[in-house]
């Protein structure tokens, strides 16, 4: 099975100081990850805004993950109106990722305890 990583999962996986880093690293062992542009952009934004990385550092961290883990690339090829409707404005990005994962026959890997999408796998 391939797992589309959401932003929080990717941040936790790549930032050693994240509170869920060890949990995500342990969970990810032996699993096939996938990334989409939305998760990549979210990682770059969060690692800079919340963890003080420069744009260059954030890009280097993401590039190293691509090189070391060789995740599948999933294009953001689903319209926002396709798939299951999101339950609230706060879940719009999450639901998009769940719908995108489902469209590509994947599971959506998340740390979100409130994820109720059928494609969600709680870490």
Foldseek 3Di string as FASTA:
>chain_A
DEAEEAQVLVLLCQPVPDPCNVVSVVVCVPHAYEYEPNNLVSQLVCCCPPVVDDSVRSVVSVVVCCVPRVHHYQYLPDDLPDDDPDPDPVCSVVRSQQRSQVVVVHAYEDCDPPDPRPRYDHD
